[in-house]
PDB file of N, CA and C in Angstrom:
ATOM      1  N   MET A   1     -10.244  -9.122  -2.293  1.00  0.00           N
ATOM      2  CA  MET A   1      -9.213  -7.893  -1.971  1.00  0.00           C
ATOM      3  C   MET A   1      -9.002  -8.345  -0.455  1.00  0.00           C
ATOM      4  N   GLN A   2      -7.833  -7.778  -0.313  1.00  0.00           N
ATOM      5  CA  GLN A   2      -7.139  -7.804   0.944  1.00  0.00           C
ATOM      6  C   GLN A   2      -7.029  -6.214   1.388  1.00  0.00           C
ATOM      7  N   SER A   3      -7.195  -6.227   2.835  1.00  0.00           N
ATOM      8  CA  SER A   3      -7.235  -5.214   3.979  1.00  0.00           C
ATOM      9  C   SER A   3      -6.108  -5.192   4.858  1.00  0.00           C
ATOM     10  N   ILE A   4      -5.737  -3.700   4.771  1.00  0.00           N
ATOM     11  CA  ILE A   4      -4.950  -3.634   6.333  1.00  0.00           C
ATOM     12  C   ILE A   4      -5.202  -2.247   6.628  1.00  0.00           C
ATOM     13  N   SER A   5      -5.789  -1.961   7.799  1.00  0.00           N
ATOM     14  CA  SER A   5      -5.906  -0.851   8.493  1.00  0.00           C
ATOM     15  C   SER A   5      -5.275  -0.718  10.007  1.00  0.00           C
ATOM     16  N   THR A   6      -4.921   0.727  10.058  1.00  0.00           N
ATOM     17  CA  THR A   6      -4.795   1.273  11.704  1.00  0.00           C
ATOM     18  C   THR A   6      -5.497   2.597  12.036  1.00  0.00           C
ATOM     19  N   THR A   7      -5.416   2.847  13.331  1.00  0.00           N
ATOM     20  CA  THR A   7      -6.120   4.068  13.752  1.00  0.00           C
ATOM     21  C   THR A   7      -5.069   4.883  14.100  1.00  0.00           C
ATOM     22  N   TYR A   8      -5.094   6.115  13.974  1.00  0.00           N
ATOM     23  CA  TYR A   8      -4.172   7.045  14.421  1.00  0.00           C
ATOM     24  C   TYR A   8      -5.080   7.654  15.751  1.00  0.00           C
ATOM     25  N   GLU A   9      -4.229   7.604  16.764  1.00  0.00           N
ATOM     26  CA  GLU A   9      -4.847   7.536  18.309  1.00  0.00           C
ATOM     27  C   GLU A   9      -4.474   9.051  18.726  1.00  0.00           C
ATOM     28  N   ALA A  10      -3.748   9.620  18.358  1.00  0.00           N
ATOM     29  CA  ALA A  10      -3.054  10.925  18.990  1.00  0.00           C
ATOM     30  C   ALA A  10      -3.972  12.111  18.527  1.00  0.00           C
ATOM     31  N   GLY A  11      -4.115  13.072  19.475  1.00  0.00           N
ATOM     32  CA  GLY A  11      -5.031  14.365  19.359  1.00  0.00           C
ATOM     33  C   GLY A  11      -4.355  15.201  18.614  1.00  0.00           C
ATOM     34  N   VAL A  12      -3.524  15.222  18.362  1.00  0.00           N
ATOM     35  CA  VAL A  12      -3.062  16.508  17.322  1.00  0.00           C
ATOM     36  C   VAL A  12      -2.799  15.749  15.597  1.00  0.00           C
ATOM     37  N   ALA A  13      -3.401  16.861  14.994  1.00  0.00           N
ATOM     38  CA  ALA A  13      -3.302  16.827  13.563  1.00  0.00           C
ATOM     39  C   ALA A  13      -1.820  16.391  13.210  1.00  0.00           C
ATOM     40  N   ALA A  14      -2.032  15.434  12.007  1.00  0.00           N
ATOM     41  CA  ALA A  14      -0.760  14.910  11.624  1.00  0.00           C
ATOM     42  C   ALA A  14      -0.875  14.719  10.090  1.00  0.00           C
ATOM     43  N   ASN A  15       0.434  14.692   9.513  1.00  0.00           N
ATOM     44  CA  ASN A  15       0.547  14.599   8.033  1.00  0.00           C
ATOM     45  C   ASN A  15       0.702  13.030   7.877  1.00  0.00           C
ATOM     46  N   LEU A  16       0.287  12.396   7.070  1.00  0.00           N
ATOM     47  CA  LEU A  16       0.389  10.949   6.631  1.00  0.00           C
ATOM     48  C   LEU A  16       1.077  10.843   5.313  1.00  0.00           C
ATOM     49  N   THR A  17       2.210   9.899   5.625  1.00  0.00           N
ATOM     50  CA  THR A  17       3.112   9.410   4.582  1.00  0.00           C
ATOM     51  C   THR A  17       3.259   7.913   4.499  1.00  0.00           C
ATOM     52  N   VAL A  18       3.026   7.244   3.519  1.00  0.00           N
ATOM     53  CA  VAL A  18       3.037   5.512   3.137  1.00  0.00           C
ATOM     54  C   VAL A  18       3.919   5.650   2.478  1.00  0.00           C
ATOM     55  N   ASP A  19       4.644   4.154   2.993  1.00  0.00           N
ATOM     56  CA  ASP A  19       5.780   3.758   2.330  1.00  0.00           C
ATOM     57  C   ASP A  19       5.351   2.317   2.195  1.00  0.00           C
ATOM     58  N   VAL A  20       5.625   1.820   0.662  1.00  0.00           N
ATOM     59  CA  VAL A  20       5.161   0.221   0.166  1.00  0.00           C
ATOM     60  C   VAL A  20       6.641  -0.123  -0.293  1.00  0.00           C
ATOM     61  N   SER A  21       7.148  -1.116   0.194  1.00  0.00           N
ATOM     62  CA  SER A  21       7.839  -1.877  -0.105  1.00  0.00           C
ATOM     63  C   SER A  21       7.964  -3.549   0.034  1.00  0.00           C
ATOM     64  N   VAL A  22       8.847  -4.222  -0.902  1.00  0.00           N
ATOM     65  CA  VAL A  22       8.858  -5.564  -1.286  1.00  0.00           C
ATOM     66  C   VAL A  22      10.022  -6.130  -0.468  1.00  0.00           C
ATOM     67  N   ASP A  23       9.834  -7.102  -0.045  1.00  0.00           N
ATOM     68  CA  ASP A  23      11.213  -8.478   0.046  1.00  0.00           C
ATOM     69  C   ASP A  23      10.913  -9.351  -0.965  1.00  0.00           C
ATOM     70  N   ASP A  24      11.675  -9.290  -1.932  1.00  0.00           N
ATOM     71  CA  ASP A  24      11.588  -9.991  -3.387  1.00  0.00           C
ATOM     72  C   ASP A  24      12.641 -10.457  -4.011  1.00  0.00           C
ATOM     73  N   ASN A  25      13.382 -11.693  -3.642  1.00  0.00           N
ATOM     74  CA  ASN A  25      14.450 -12.030  -4.253  1.00  0.00           C
ATOM     75  C   ASN A  25      14.640 -12.541  -5.602  1.00  0.00           C
ATOM     76  N   SER A  26      13.274 -12.818  -5.864  1.00  0.00           N
ATOM     77  CA  SER A  26      13.352 -13.438  -7.267  1.00  0.00           C
ATOM     78  C   SER A  26      12.476 -12.562  -8.297  1.00  0.00           C
ATOM     79  N   ASN A  27      12.191 -11.341  -7.928  1.00  0.00           N
ATOM     80  CA  ASN A  27      11.583 -10.294  -8.602  1.00  0.00           C
ATOM     81  C   ASN A  27      10.237 -10.662  -9.177  1.00  0.00           C
ATOM     82  N   PHE A  28       9.500 -11.387  -7.894  1.00  0.00           N
ATOM     83  CA  PHE A  28       7.994 -11.835  -8.095  1.00  0.00           C
ATOM     84  C   PHE A  28       7.201 -10.823  -8.338  1.00  0.00           C
ATOM     85  N   SER A  29       7.610  -9.704  -7.554  1.00  0.00           N
ATOM     86  CA  SER A  29       6.646  -8.542  -7.541  1.00  0.00           C
ATOM     87  C   SER A  29       6.435  -8.116  -9.014  1.00  0.00           C
ATOM     88  N   GLN A  30       7.278  -8.307  -9.867  1.00  0.00           N
ATOM     89  CA  GLN A  30       7.075  -7.782 -11.366  1.00  0.00           C
ATOM     90  C   GLN A  30       5.979  -8.731 -12.064  1.00  0.00           C
ATOM     91  N   GLN A  31       5.722  -9.838 -11.304  1.00  0.00           N
ATOM     92  CA  GLN A  31       4.830 -10.781 -12.372  1.00  0.00           C
ATOM     93  C   GLN A  31       3.625 -10.628 -11.737  1.00  0.00           C
ATOM     94  N   LEU A  32       3.296  -9.896 -10.346  1.00  0.00           N
ATOM     95  CA  LEU A  32       1.936  -9.836  -9.681  1.00  0.00           C
ATOM     96  C   LEU A  32       1.098  -8.523 -10.310  1.00  0.00           C
ATOM     97  N   ASP A  33       0.227  -8.718 -11.069  1.00  0.00           N
ATOM     98  CA  ASP A  33      -0.719  -7.230 -11.502  1.00  0.00           C
ATOM     99  C   ASP A  33      -1.418  -7.209 -10.675  1.00  0.00           C
ATOM    100  N   VAL A  34      -1.507  -5.510 -10.379  1.00  0.00           N
ATOM    101  CA  VAL A  34      -2.387  -4.837  -9.382  1.00  0.00           C
ATOM    102  C   VAL A  34      -3.434  -4.608 -10.126  1.00  0.00           C
ATOM    103  N   ASN A  35      -4.943  -5.349  -9.669  1.00  0.00           N
ATOM    104  CA  ASN A  35      -6.235  -5.067 -10.076  1.00  0.00           C
ATOM    105  C   ASN A  35      -6.751  -3.467  -9.400  1.00  0.00           C
ATOM    106  N   THR A  36      -6.281  -3.799  -8.220  1.00  0.00           N
ATOM    107  CA  THR A  36      -6.663  -2.239  -7.626  1.00  0.00           C
ATOM    108  C   THR A  36      -5.841  -2.013  -6.248  1.00  0.00           C
ATOM    109  N   ALA A  37      -5.239  -1.205  -5.915  1.00  0.00           N
ATOM    110  CA  ALA A  37      -4.816  -0.879  -4.738  1.00  0.00           C
ATOM    111  C   ALA A  37      -5.475   1.028  -4.305  1.00  0.00           C
ATOM    112  N   GLU A  38      -6.026   0.713  -3.055  1.00  0.00           N
ATOM    113  CA  GLU A  38      -6.749   1.988  -2.712  1.00  0.00           C
ATOM    114  C   GLU A  38      -6.468   2.435  -1.361  1.00  0.00           C
ATOM    115  N   LEU A  39      -6.195   3.842  -1.110  1.00  0.00           N
ATOM    116  CA  LEU A  39      -6.058   4.151   0.043  1.00  0.00           C
ATOM    117  C   LEU A  39      -7.158   5.279   0.838  1.00  0.00           C
ATOM    118  N   ASN A  40      -7.539   5.145   1.935  1.00  0.00           N
ATOM    119  CA  ASN A  40      -8.590   5.628   2.695  1.00  0.00           C
ATOM    120  C   ASN A  40      -8.206   6.443   3.650  1.00  0.00           C
ATOM    121  N   ALA A  41      -8.303   7.607   4.285  1.00  0.00           N
ATOM    122  CA  ALA A  41      -7.808   7.955   5.534  1.00  0.00           C
ATOM    123  C   ALA A  41      -9.000   8.950   6.229  1.00  0.00           C
ATOM    124  N   GLY A  42      -9.584   8.474   7.373  1.00  0.00           N
ATOM    125  CA  GLY A  42     -10.520   9.441   7.901  1.00  0.00           C
ATOM    126  C   GLY A  42     -11.870   9.336   7.247  1.00  0.00           C
ATOM    127  N   GLY A  43     -12.334   8.257   6.415  1.00  0.00           N
ATOM    128  CA  GLY A  43     -13.285   7.868   5.782  1.00  0.00           C
ATOM    129  C   GLY A  43     -13.297   8.538   4.544  1.00  0.00           C
ATOM    130  N   THR A  44     -12.161   9.065   4.059  1.00  0.00           N
ATOM    131  CA  THR A  44     -12.020   9.837   2.754  1.00  0.00           C
ATOM    132  C   THR A  44     -11.111   8.960   1.795  1.00  0.00           C
ATOM    133  N   ASP A  45     -11.550   8.759   0.575  1.00  0.00           N
ATOM    134  CA  ASP A  45     -10.848   7.912  -0.571  1.00  0.00           C
ATOM    135  C   ASP A  45      -9.484   8.957  -0.950  1.00  0.00           C
ATOM    136  N   ILE A  46      -8.444   8.673  -0.723  1.00  0.00           N
ATOM    137  CA  ILE A  46      -6.986   9.439  -1.082  1.00  0.00           C
ATOM    138  C   ILE A  46      -6.515   9.052  -2.220  1.00  0.00           C
ATOM    139  N   GLY A  47      -6.660   7.905  -2.789  1.00  0.00           N
ATOM    140  CA  GLY A  47      -6.287   7.618  -3.964  1.00  0.00           C
ATOM    141  C   GLY A  47      -6.194   6.306  -4.418  1.00  0.00           C
ATOM    142  N   SER A  48      -5.982   5.695  -5.552  1.00  0.00           N
ATOM    143  CA  SER A  48      -6.096   4.671  -5.964  1.00  0.00           C
ATOM    144  C   SER A  48      -4.982   4.142  -7.028  1.00  0.00           C
ATOM    145  N   PHE A  49      -4.568   2.970  -7.561  1.00  0.00           N
ATOM    146  CA  PHE A  49      -3.590   2.784  -8.292  1.00  0.00           C
ATOM    147  C   PHE A  49      -4.038   1.499  -8.955  1.00  0.00           C
ATOM    148  N   SER A  50      -4.011   1.103 -10.449  1.00  0.00           N
ATOM    149  CA  SER A  50      -4.203   0.002 -11.204  1.00  0.00           C
ATOM    150  C   SER A  50      -3.580   0.102 -12.231  1.00  0.00           C
ATOM    151  N   GLY A  51      -3.182  -0.825 -13.189  1.00  0.00           N
ATOM    152  CA  GLY A  51      -2.598  -1.087 -14.280  1.00  0.00           C
ATOM    153  C   GLY A  51      -1.235  -1.325 -14.278  1.00  0.00           C
ATOM    154  N   GLY A  52      -0.559  -1.712 -13.353  1.00  0.00           N
ATOM    155  CA  GLY A  52       0.783  -1.903 -13.298  1.00  0.00           C
ATOM    156  C   GLY A  52       0.687  -3.141 -12.452  1.00  0.00           C
ATOM    157  N   THR A  53       2.395  -3.491 -12.017  1.00  0.00           N
ATOM    158  CA  THR A  53       2.783  -4.196 -11.209  1.00  0.00           C
ATOM    159  C   THR A  53       2.645  -3.992  -9.762  1.00  0.00           C
ATOM    160  N   LEU A  54       3.083  -5.006  -9.167  1.00  0.00           N
ATOM    161  CA  LEU A  54       3.261  -4.496  -7.421  1.00  0.00           C
ATOM    162  C   LEU A  54       4.757  -3.915  -7.604  1.00  0.00           C
ATOM    163  N   ALA A  55       5.457  -4.382  -8.341  1.00  0.00           N
ATOM    164  CA  ALA A  55       7.098  -3.549  -8.303  1.00  0.00           C
ATOM    165  C   ALA A  55       6.662  -1.983  -8.494  1.00  0.00           C
ATOM    166  N   ASP A  56       5.743  -1.812  -9.341  1.00  0.00           N
ATOM    167  CA  ASP A  56       5.321  -0.265  -9.744  1.00  0.00           C
ATOM    168  C   ASP A  56       4.895   0.300  -8.926  1.00  0.00           C
ATOM    169  N   LEU A  57       4.241  -0.371  -7.717  1.00  0.00           N
ATOM    170  CA  LEU A  57       3.402   0.324  -6.692  1.00  0.00           C
ATOM    171  C   LEU A  57       4.110   0.577  -5.515  1.00  0.00           C
ATOM    172  N   THR A  58       5.543   0.209  -5.514  1.00  0.00           N
ATOM    173  CA  THR A  58       6.359   0.464  -4.508  1.00  0.00           C
ATOM    174  C   THR A  58       6.934   1.799  -4.435  1.00  0.00           C
ATOM    175  N   GLY A  59       7.244   2.536  -3.317  1.00  0.00           N
ATOM    176  CA  GLY A  59       7.563   4.058  -3.032  1.00  0.00           C
ATOM    177  C   GLY A  59       7.194   4.446  -2.032  1.00  0.00           C
ATOM    178  N   THR A  60       7.565   5.780  -1.552  1.00  0.00           N
ATOM    179  CA  THR A  60       7.148   6.446  -0.655  1.00  0.00           C
ATOM    180  C   THR A  60       5.973   7.353  -1.176  1.00  0.00           C
ATOM    181  N   TYR A  61       4.857   7.456  -0.435  1.00  0.00           N
ATOM    182  CA  TYR A  61       3.890   8.803  -0.814  1.00  0.00           C
ATOM    183  C   TYR A  61       3.912   9.872   0.513  1.00  0.00           C
ATOM    184  N   GLU A  62       4.516  10.875  -0.023  1.00  0.00           N
ATOM    185  CA  GLU A  62       4.493  11.573   0.944  1.00  0.00           C
ATOM    186  C   GLU A  62       3.472  12.535   1.357  1.00  0.00           C
ATOM    187  N   ASN A  63       2.972  12.976   2.258  1.00  0.00           N
ATOM    188  CA  ASN A  63       1.668  14.056   2.674  1.00  0.00           C
ATOM    189  C   ASN A  63       0.442  13.740   1.940  1.00  0.00           C
ATOM    190  N   VAL A  64      -0.120  12.496   1.828  1.00  0.00           N
ATOM    191  CA  VAL A  64      -0.988  11.906   1.315  1.00  0.00           C
ATOM    192  C   VAL A  64      -2.707  12.389   1.930  1.00  0.00           C
ATOM    193  N   ALA A  65      -2.173  12.811   3.346  1.00  0.00           N
ATOM    194  CA  ALA A  65      -3.292  13.198   3.749  1.00  0.00           C
ATOM    195  C   ALA A  65      -3.269  13.845   5.238  1.00  0.00           C
ATOM    196  N   THR A  66      -4.112  14.660   5.709  1.00  0.00           N
ATOM    197  CA  THR A  66      -4.205  15.124   6.967  1.00  0.00           C
ATOM    198  C   THR A  66      -4.943  14.239   8.201  1.00  0.00           C
ATOM    199  N   LEU A  67      -4.221  13.791   9.313  1.00  0.00           N
ATOM    200  CA  LEU A  67      -5.127  12.752  10.055  1.00  0.00           C
ATOM    201  C   LEU A  67      -5.468  13.566  11.297  1.00  0.00           C
ATOM    202  N   GLY A  68      -6.884  13.334  11.910  1.00  0.00           N
ATOM    203  CA  GLY A  68      -7.203  13.734  12.981  1.00  0.00           C
ATOM    204  C   GLY A  68      -7.382  12.479  14.013  1.00  0.00           C
ATOM    205  N   GLY A  69      -7.347  12.838  15.362  1.00  0.00           N
ATOM    206  CA  GLY A  69      -7.256  12.003  16.317  1.00  0.00           C
ATOM    207  C   GLY A  69      -8.766  10.716  15.674  1.00  0.00           C
ATOM    208  N   GLY A  70      -8.258   9.584  15.919  1.00  0.00           N
ATOM    209  CA  GLY A  70      -9.368   8.626  15.631  1.00  0.00           C
ATOM    210  C   GLY A  70      -9.769   8.073  14.338  1.00  0.00           C
ATOM    211  N   ASP A  71      -8.831   8.980  13.476  1.00  0.00           N
ATOM    212  CA  ASP A  71      -9.119   8.506  12.109  1.00  0.00           C
ATOM    213  C   ASP A  71      -8.122   6.908  11.846  1.00  0.00           C
ATOM    214  N   THR A  72      -8.864   6.219  11.136  1.00  0.00           N
ATOM    215  CA  THR A  72      -8.782   4.967  10.408  1.00  0.00           C
ATOM    216  C   THR A  72      -8.143   5.069   9.258  1.00  0.00           C
ATOM    217  N   ILE A  73      -6.914   4.541   8.853  1.00  0.00           N
ATOM    218  CA  ILE A  73      -6.004   4.574   7.676  1.00  0.00           C
ATOM    219  C   ILE A  73      -6.226   3.175   7.082  1.00  0.00           C
ATOM    220  N   THR A  74      -6.790   2.958   5.959  1.00  0.00           N
ATOM    221  CA  THR A  74      -6.921   1.453   5.335  1.00  0.00           C
ATOM    222  C   THR A  74      -6.592   1.558   3.947  1.00  0.00           C
ATOM    223  N   VAL A  75      -5.733   0.506   3.383  1.00  0.00           N
ATOM    224  CA  VAL A  75      -5.213   0.138   2.181  1.00  0.00           C
ATOM    225  C   VAL A  75      -6.149  -1.099   1.787  1.00  0.00           C
ATOM    226  N   ASN A  76      -6.833  -1.380   0.624  1.00  0.00           N
ATOM    227  CA  ASN A  76      -7.558  -2.327  -0.041  1.00  0.00           C
ATOM    228  C   ASN A  76      -6.687  -2.612  -1.205  1.00  0.00           C
ATOM    229  N   ALA A  77      -6.274  -4.006  -1.565  1.00  0.00           N
ATOM    230  CA  ALA A  77      -5.388  -4.363  -2.689  1.00  0.00           C
ATOM    231  C   ALA A  77      -5.751  -5.875  -3.107  1.00  0.00           C
ATOM    232  N   ASN A  78      -5.657  -5.791  -4.508  1.00  0.00           N
ATOM    233  CA  ASN A  78      -6.412  -7.234  -5.114  1.00  0.00           C
ATOM    234  C   ASN A  78      -5.307  -7.092  -6.493  1.00  0.00           C
ATOM    235  N   PHE A  79      -4.272  -8.595  -6.161  1.00  0.00           N
ATOM    236  CA  PHE A  79      -3.213  -8.726  -7.097  1.00  0.00           C
ATOM    237  C   PHE A  79      -3.730  -9.930  -8.020  1.00  0.00           C
ATOM    238  N   THR A  80      -3.210 -10.100  -9.184  1.00  0.00           N
ATOM    239  CA  THR A  80      -3.250 -11.373  -9.904  1.00  0.00           C
ATOM    240  C   THR A  80      -1.946 -11.707 -10.625  1.00  0.00           C
ATOM    241  N   LEU A  81      -1.879 -12.960 -10.848  1.00  0.00           N
ATOM    242  CA  LEU A  81      -0.685 -13.289 -11.308  1.00  0.00           C
ATOM    243  C   LEU A  81      -0.633 -13.225 -13.117  1.00  0.00           C
ATOM    244  N   GLY A  82       0.507 -12.445 -13.546  1.00  0.00           N
ATOM    245  CA  GLY A  82       0.304 -12.033 -14.964  1.00  0.00           C
ATOM    246  C   GLY A  82       0.288 -13.069 -15.588  1.00  0.00           C
ATOM    247  N   GLU A  83      -0.465 -13.225 -17.008  1.00  0.00           N
ATOM    248  CA  GLU A  83      -0.876 -14.154 -17.919  1.00  0.00           C
ATOM    249  C   GLU A  83       0.336 -14.665 -18.527  1.00  0.00           C
ATOM    250  N   ASP A  84       1.558 -14.234 -18.604  1.00  0.00           N
ATOM    251  CA  ASP A  84       2.767 -14.443 -19.101  1.00  0.00           C
ATOM    252  C   ASP A  84       3.793 -15.191 -18.378  1.00  0.00           C
ATOM    253  N   THR A  85       3.397 -14.933 -17.119  1.00  0.00           N
ATOM    254  CA  THR A  85       4.263 -15.621 -16.118  1.00  0.00           C
ATOM    255  C   THR A  85       4.611 -17.175 -16.197  1.00  0.00           C
ATOM    256  N   GLY A  86       5.958 -17.532 -16.371  1.00  0.00           N
ATOM    257  CA  GLY A  86       6.285 -18.714 -16.554  1.00  0.00           C
ATOM    258  C   GLY A  86       6.431 -19.546 -15.018  1.00  0.00           C
ATOM    259  N   ASN A  87       6.800 -20.836 -15.551  1.00  0.00           N
ATOM    260  CA  ASN A  87       7.032 -21.979 -14.260  1.00  0.00           C
ATOM    261  C   ASN A  87       7.888 -21.584 -13.330  1.00  0.00           C
ATOM    262  N   ASP A  88       8.956 -20.534 -13.777  1.00  0.00           N
ATOM    263  CA  ASP A  88      10.233 -20.170 -13.009  1.00  0.00           C
ATOM    264  C   ASP A  88       9.779 -19.855 -11.848  1.00  0.00           C
ATOM    265  N   TYR A  89       8.458 -19.208 -11.491  1.00  0.00           N
ATOM    266  CA  TYR A  89       7.944 -18.530 -10.485  1.00  0.00           C
ATOM    267  C   TYR A  89       7.201 -19.302  -9.519  1.00  0.00           C
ATOM    268  N   GLN A  90       7.361 -21.151  -9.854  1.00  0.00           N
ATOM    269  CA  GLN A  90       6.576 -21.683  -9.128  1.00  0.00           C
ATOM    270  C   GLN A  90       6.883 -21.846  -7.635  1.00  0.00           C
ATOM    271  N   GLY A  91       6.315 -21.527  -6.817  1.00  0.00           N
ATOM    272  CA  GLY A  91       6.537 -21.699  -5.226  1.00  0.00           C
ATOM    273  C   GLY A  91       7.504 -20.333  -5.042  1.00  0.00           C
ATOM    274  N   ASP A  92       7.548 -19.476  -5.431  1.00  0.00           N
ATOM    275  CA  ASP A  92       7.972 -18.182  -4.801  1.00  0.00           C
ATOM    276  C   ASP A  92       7.033 -17.477  -4.167  1.00  0.00           C
ATOM    277  N   SER A  93       7.465 -16.320  -3.436  1.00  0.00           N
ATOM    278  CA  SER A  93       6.480 -15.399  -2.732  1.00  0.00           C
ATOM    279  C   SER A  93       7.230 -14.153  -2.734  1.00  0.00           C
ATOM    280  N   VAL A  94       6.559 -13.183  -2.255  1.00  0.00           N
ATOM    281  CA  VAL A  94       6.864 -12.074  -1.917  1.00  0.00           C
ATOM    282  C   VAL A  94       6.509 -11.467  -0.749  1.00  0.00           C
ATOM    283  N   GLY A  95       7.199 -10.718   0.249  1.00  0.00           N
ATOM    284  CA  GLY A  95       6.550 -10.054   1.469  1.00  0.00           C
ATOM    285  C   GLY A  95       6.466  -8.532   1.084  1.00  0.00           C
ATOM    286  N   ILE A  96       5.367  -8.207   1.369  1.00  0.00           N
ATOM    287  CA  ILE A  96       4.885  -6.611   1.138  1.00  0.00           C
ATOM    288  C   ILE A  96       4.791  -6.100   2.530  1.00  0.00           C
ATOM    289  N   THR A  97       5.395  -4.932   2.840  1.00  0.00           N
ATOM    290  CA  THR A  97       5.572  -4.166   4.066  1.00  0.00           C
ATOM    291  C   THR A  97       4.615  -2.754   3.572  1.00  0.00           C
ATOM    292  N   VAL A  98       3.972  -2.447   4.408  1.00  0.00           N
ATOM    293  CA  VAL A  98       3.287  -0.844   3.927  1.00  0.00           C
ATOM    294  C   VAL A  98       3.527  -0.176   5.558  1.00  0.00           C
ATOM    295  N   THR A  99       4.212   0.792   5.553  1.00  0.00           N
ATOM    296  CA  THR A  99       4.557   1.640   6.682  1.00  0.00           C
ATOM    297  C   THR A  99       3.751   2.678   6.543  1.00  0.00           C
ATOM    298  N   PHE A 100       2.964   3.352   7.756  1.00  0.00           N
ATOM    299  CA  PHE A 100       2.140   4.668   8.036  1.00  0.00           C
ATOM    300  C   PHE A 100       2.993   5.279   8.662  1.00  0.00           C
ATOM    301  N   ASN A 101       3.322   6.867   8.457  1.00  0.00           N
ATOM    302  CA  ASN A 101       4.112   7.360   9.271  1.00  0.00           C
ATOM    303  C   ASN A 101       3.357   9.047   9.494  1.00  0.00           C
ATOM    304  N   ALA A 102       2.874   9.195  10.668  1.00  0.00           N
ATOM    305  CA  ALA A 102       2.145  10.516  10.891  1.00  0.00           C
ATOM    306  C   ALA A 102       3.098  11.366  11.569  1.00  0.00           C
ATOM    307  N   THR A 103       3.442  12.484  10.898  1.00  0.00           N
ATOM    308  CA  THR A 103       4.200  13.683  11.245  1.00  0.00           C
ATOM    309  C   THR A 103       3.032  14.628  12.130  1.00  0.00           C
ATOM    310  N   GLN A 104       3.187  14.714  13.175  1.00  0.00           N
ATOM    311  CA  GLN A 104       2.359  16.013  13.989  1.00  0.00           C
ATOM    312  C   GLN A 104       2.524  16.973  13.494  1.00  0.00           C
ATOM    313  N   GLN A 105       1.163  17.863  13.298  1.00  0.00           N
ATOM    314  CA  GLN A 105       1.698  19.158  12.882  1.00  0.00           C
ATOM    315  C   GLN A 105       1.940  20.037  14.016  1.00  0.00           C
ATOM    316  N   THR A 106       2.720  21.318  13.691  1.00  0.00           N
ATOM    317  CA  THR A 106       2.982  22.318  14.995  1.00  0.00           C
ATOM    318  C   THR A 106       2.283  23.507  14.352  1.00  0.00           C
TER     319      THR A 106
END
């Protein structure tokens, strides 16, 4: 399982939005099955996704959590190549970008 983490350092509470996008010229993201993808913020499990492809996981997830100063945000994900993937994708790659946006509450 691969992990990415960041820490929210501001002292003001904030709403967390997560954006998942792919750089995928060959539609390789449609061939990668998501075994599990999990989001944790401030030590609390926020949500998980499984049963689809990486292409299905992309999108913007708004106001998924409220952050406090020092909270760590972690995404854990595990992917496998779909069983019906042909040799057409040999040597292909996909870039995954996960963007965390924290909007301070007023």
